[in-house]
Amino acid sequence: MRRWRSILAICSAAILAVAQPVAAQRAAIDPQAWIAYKEKFVDASGRVLDNGNNGISHSEGQGYGLLLAYLANNPADFEEIWYFTRTELLLRDDGLAAWKWDPAVTPHVTDTNNASDGDLLIAYALALAGSAWNKKDYLQSAVIMAKALLSHVVIDAGGKTLLLPGVEGYRAPGRKDGPVINPSYWVYEAIPVMALLAPSEQWQKLRDDGLALLGSMQFGPRKLPADWVSLRAKPTPADGFEAEFGYNAVRIPLYLTRAGINDKALLTRLQRGMTVEGDEPATIDLTTGKPKDLLSDPGYRIVNDVVACVVAGTKLPAPVRQFAPSLYYPATLQLLSLAFVTEKHPECL
């Protein structure tokens, strides 16, 4: 036990040293913005509601909720969200979370497969909070999840280290075009922390190969990655999914900037590719290059504005600095964006 405590203490200090967000005691999210988010999307049990998806909850949402509560420096709300997460979703035998919880049916967990981005977010938030608030139980849980990710969804295939979107359903021979990945599941800022929790050279390879794949996935006239990509041979949009730069992929530039990956050529290509007439971001049909859905919510627009801030020092426009949450997903992206700019680029406010 004494050795375990010593390891956790060393790990805790290292996590705060490498993590991009500043220590939680200096809250990066305005208290009123966090209250507005919580009132809209977090119920009394700690369940984060995706109101754009029939009010279900999922491991991604719980992970985002935990990370935002940490960035808001609100330990009580963090514990509330964590309680729901660990009692309702951490039901699998392998240490990963079931991805989907539906209030409309019983039992509420309707799909026990995991979603690896949700697991990454949960483990990352636990590590940050455990380190900043001296909560050893959070760190212990983060270690368990990081080891489970490494054991079950970080794989070597085709000479690359990849993150499977879930334990089940994405590999050959079950999928003829497997392995299939989702490039937006690489939460780059979390990967160095995972390497501290579950030391392995695989984490650095995962980061490097993810970035290399982003460089090579230039589909269609707009040269954008797809939400779902087959790596059976050369990267190509996966079978059974729309060939689109969709709602998953729109967060990739934010994940890059939050992780301090300021590759100007890559960020600019993504920004230009997802922007249509009127400087509106959009989901994109990769075959034609035409927009599918315009993304007018400030939570989507701010992603391009963060890129402009990082690449050119451009100030965020006033409309995206105002937080009036409507839908869970863009509201989440907006708070993560505002927190990042507050911490790392206050000159853009």
Foldseek 3Di string as FASTA:
>chain_A
DVVLVVLLLVLLVVLQVQFLFHQLVPALFDPVLLVLLCVVAADQQLFGFFVVPQRKGFLQRLLLQLQNCSSRVNVVSNVSNVRCQCVPFQPDPLLAGQTIACPVDPPRRPGNWHFLLSLLSQLQSLSSCCSNVVPVVSLVSSLSSLVSQVVQAFDDDPNATEGQRTNPDQAPPSAVLDNKHFLLSCLPSSLVSSCSSPPDPSSVRHNVRSVVLQVVQQFAPLGGHARMWGVSPPTDHDPPDQRKCDPSNLCVLVSCVSNVNLPPVSSVSHCVLQADPPRWGAMARRHHSDGDGTDPPLLSSVSSVLNCCSNPVAADDPVLVDQDDDGNPSSSSSSSSSSSCSRPPVSND
